Amino acid sequence: MQSSAELVVLLAEDGTPIGTTEKVSVHSRETPLHLAFSCHVFNPAGQLLVTRRAISKLTWPGVWTNSFCGHPGPGEAMVEAVKRRAERELGLTLDSIEMALPDFRYRAVDASGVVENEICPVFIAVTSATPHPADDEVAEFEWVDARALLESLAKSPWAFSPWLTLQLPALDAAGLLGTHTE
């Protein structure tokens, strides 16, 4: 009988896959480097979808963050993983997906001591659908102006996930904010 446990890909410092482990056990005070992704979803009007993480989340519960994140499974194409997590977390079908920051990497420690340690390519997507988030993933969501969100990040970074505070300015520096409108 096969295990139904979700697996994440463990990485060497150079980004080479070196094995897998169960997602439920990967995030701890000693989190090994692993593969993930982040996605920032825009609607046709150019608004960015931000979500507040469910209170039940292990890391950064209740914190506002990007649209969604996830981990590709072993051998899973990154774009397929993005589509899978969009459906699972937000009930969304994405109209388009593009790689935005292929080399994004970060390490952060939350207030409880749990570490995020990821090579985390960042994607931008567009949807014309209405989100229907999963309660165990998302407490609430809003469509916002990305420039206004940048200002909020600068004024109160503690209110947001550390990856959002790093990714959104990097997307802006790359000229990728405000370019996803009808």
Protein backbone atom coordinates (compact mmCIF):
# COMPACT_ATOMS: atom_id res chain seq x y z
CA MET A 1 0.00 0.00 0.00
CA GLN A 2 1.39 3.42 -0.96
CA SER A 3 1.69 6.24 1.54
CA SER A 4 -0.56 9.24 0.91
CA ALA A 5 1.77 11.54 2.83
CA GLU A 6 2.72 14.72 0.99
CA LEU A 7 6.46 14.77 0.31
CA VAL A 8 8.79 17.74 -0.11
CA VAL A 9 12.08 17.73 -2.00
CA LEU A 10 15.18 18.25 0.16
CA LEU A 11 18.03 20.24 -1.38
CA ALA A 12 21.79 20.57 -1.02
CA GLU A 13 23.15 24.11 -0.59
CA ASP A 14 23.67 24.35 -4.37
CA GLY A 15 20.00 23.51 -5.01
CA THR A 16 20.57 19.91 -6.07
CA PRO A 17 17.82 17.50 -4.91
CA ILE A 18 19.16 15.11 -2.26
CA GLY A 19 16.03 13.29 -1.10
CA THR A 20 12.52 13.74 0.22
CA THR A 21 10.75 13.93 3.54
CA GLU A 22 7.15 14.21 4.68
CA LYS A 23 5.81 17.76 4.63
CA VAL A 24 4.33 17.37 8.12
CA SER A 25 7.79 16.86 9.58
CA VAL A 26 9.95 19.23 7.50
CA HIS A 27 9.22 22.52 9.32
CA SER A 28 10.85 22.65 12.74
CA ARG A 29 13.59 24.55 14.58
CA GLU A 30 16.07 22.68 12.33
CA THR A 31 14.25 22.87 8.98
CA PRO A 32 16.44 21.50 6.19
CA LEU A 33 16.75 23.39 2.91
CA HIS A 34 13.91 22.31 0.64
CA LEU A 35 12.09 23.26 -2.56
CA ALA A 36 8.98 25.43 -2.48
CA PHE A 37 7.29 28.13 -4.55
CA SER A 38 5.27 31.31 -4.04
CA CYS A 39 2.60 32.71 -6.32
CA HIS A 40 1.20 36.23 -6.57
CA VAL A 41 -2.20 36.23 -8.29
CA PHE A 42 -3.64 39.27 -10.06
CA ASN A 43 -7.16 39.77 -11.35
CA PRO A 44 -7.87 41.31 -14.80
CA ALA A 45 -8.20 44.76 -13.17
CA GLY A 46 -4.60 44.51 -11.94
CA GLN A 47 -5.39 43.97 -8.26
CA LEU A 48 -3.22 41.57 -6.25
CA LEU A 49 -4.78 38.81 -4.15
CA VAL A 50 -3.40 38.71 -0.60
CA THR A 51 -4.41 36.14 1.98
CA ARG A 52 -4.29 35.89 5.74
CA ARG A 53 -2.92 32.54 6.81
CA ALA A 54 -5.26 30.30 8.80
CA ILE A 55 -4.73 30.39 12.55
CA SER A 56 -4.11 26.63 12.43
CA LYS A 57 -0.99 27.02 10.22
CA LEU A 58 2.29 25.86 11.81
CA THR A 59 4.31 28.87 10.66
CA TRP A 60 3.18 32.49 10.75
CA PRO A 61 -0.45 31.72 11.66
CA GLY A 62 -2.87 34.59 11.09
CA VAL A 63 -0.31 36.67 9.15
CA TRP A 64 -1.07 38.40 5.84
CA THR A 65 0.91 37.01 2.93
CA ASN A 66 1.03 36.54 -0.83
CA SER A 67 -1.76 34.71 -2.66
CA PHE A 68 -0.46 31.20 -1.91
CA CYS A 69 2.64 29.05 -1.50
CA GLY A 70 3.41 25.39 -1.71
CA HIS A 71 5.89 22.61 -2.32
CA PRO A 72 6.20 20.66 -5.56
CA GLY A 73 6.20 16.92 -5.06
CA PRO A 74 9.09 14.73 -6.17
CA GLY A 75 9.20 14.82 -9.97
CA GLU A 76 6.25 17.23 -10.21
CA ALA A 77 6.62 20.07 -12.70
CA MET A 78 6.67 23.41 -10.90
CA VAL A 79 3.82 24.91 -12.98
CA GLU A 80 1.68 21.84 -12.25
CA ALA A 81 2.39 22.27 -8.53
CA VAL A 82 1.33 25.93 -8.75
CA LYS A 83 -1.95 24.94 -10.45
CA ARG A 84 -2.56 22.19 -7.87
CA ARG A 85 -2.04 24.52 -4.89
CA ALA A 86 -4.15 27.32 -6.43
CA GLU A 87 -7.04 24.87 -6.62
CA ARG A 88 -6.39 23.34 -3.17
CA GLU A 89 -5.83 26.56 -1.19
CA LEU A 90 -8.03 29.04 -3.04
CA GLY A 91 -10.38 27.04 -5.27
CA LEU A 92 -8.89 28.96 -8.21
CA THR A 93 -8.19 28.08 -11.80
CA LEU A 94 -5.37 30.27 -13.10
CA ASP A 95 -5.71 31.87 -16.56
CA SER A 96 -1.94 32.34 -16.93
CA ILE A 97 1.21 31.58 -14.93
CA GLU A 98 4.70 32.99 -15.46
CA MET A 99 8.00 32.62 -13.66
CA ALA A 100 8.97 35.94 -12.06
CA LEU A 101 11.87 35.34 -9.63
CA PRO A 102 13.44 31.97 -10.46
CA ASP A 103 16.28 32.20 -7.92
CA PHE A 104 14.45 33.48 -4.83
CA ARG A 105 15.74 31.91 -1.62
CA TYR A 106 15.16 32.77 2.02
CA ARG A 107 15.46 31.59 5.58
CA ALA A 108 13.25 32.99 8.34
CA VAL A 109 12.35 32.06 11.92
CA ASP A 110 8.87 32.70 13.29
CA ALA A 111 8.01 33.72 16.86
CA SER A 112 7.66 30.08 17.95
CA GLY A 113 11.14 29.23 16.64
CA VAL A 114 9.95 27.29 13.57
CA VAL A 115 12.22 27.87 10.58
CA GLU A 116 11.39 28.32 6.91
CA ASN A 117 14.44 27.45 4.79
CA GLU A 118 13.55 27.35 1.12
CA ILE A 119 14.67 27.76 -2.43
CA CYS A 120 11.40 29.24 -3.54
CA PRO A 121 10.87 30.33 -7.17
CA VAL A 122 8.24 33.07 -7.37
CA PHE A 123 5.44 33.04 -9.93
CA ILE A 124 2.91 35.61 -11.10
CA ALA A 125 -0.50 34.40 -12.23
CA VAL A 126 -3.73 35.95 -13.46
CA THR A 127 -7.24 34.69 -12.75
CA SER A 128 -10.70 35.88 -13.61
CA ALA A 129 -12.21 33.49 -11.06
CA THR A 130 -13.47 34.27 -7.56
CA PRO A 131 -11.46 32.70 -4.72
CA HIS A 132 -13.13 30.04 -2.57
CA PRO A 133 -10.39 29.44 0.02
CA ALA A 134 -9.93 26.30 2.09
CA ASP A 135 -10.52 27.08 5.79
CA ASP A 136 -7.41 25.16 6.87
CA GLU A 137 -5.23 27.35 4.63
CA VAL A 138 -6.76 30.84 4.50
CA ALA A 139 -8.56 32.87 7.17
CA GLU A 140 -9.50 35.69 4.79
CA PHE A 141 -8.46 37.34 1.54
CA GLU A 142 -8.53 40.71 -0.21
CA TRP A 143 -7.82 42.10 -3.65
CA VAL A 144 -5.48 45.08 -3.16
CA ASP A 145 -3.45 47.62 -5.07
CA ALA A 146 0.11 46.26 -5.18
CA ARG A 147 1.67 49.72 -4.73
CA ALA A 148 -0.42 50.37 -1.62
CA LEU A 149 0.65 46.98 -0.29
CA LEU A 150 4.32 47.93 -0.83
CA GLU A 151 3.73 51.01 1.36
CA SER A 152 2.11 48.87 4.07
CA LEU A 153 5.05 46.44 3.98
CA ALA A 154 7.48 49.32 4.49
CA LYS A 155 5.48 50.77 7.40
CA SER A 156 4.62 47.54 9.25
CA PRO A 157 6.65 44.57 8.00
CA TRP A 158 5.87 42.63 11.21
CA ALA A 159 2.23 42.29 10.05
CA PHE A 160 3.22 40.25 6.98
CA SER A 161 5.03 37.02 6.19
CA PRO A 162 8.78 37.48 5.79
CA TRP A 163 8.70 36.04 2.28
CA LEU A 164 6.12 38.64 1.19
CA THR A 165 8.24 41.47 2.61
CA LEU A 166 11.13 40.21 0.46
CA GLN A 167 9.27 39.11 -2.67
CA LEU A 168 7.03 42.10 -3.35
CA PRO A 169 9.88 44.67 -3.41
CA ALA A 170 11.87 42.26 -5.62
CA LEU A 171 8.93 41.97 -8.03
CA ASP A 172 8.67 45.76 -8.07
CA ALA A 173 12.43 46.15 -8.73
CA ALA A 174 12.05 43.72 -11.65
CA GLY A 175 9.22 45.86 -13.08
CA LEU A 176 6.63 43.12 -12.56
CA LEU A 177 3.99 44.94 -10.49
CA GLY A 178 1.11 46.66 -12.19
CA THR A 179 1.71 44.96 -15.53
CA HIS A 180 -1.06 42.36 -15.28
CA THR A 181 -4.21 44.16 -16.39
CA GLU A 182 -6.67 43.70 -19.25
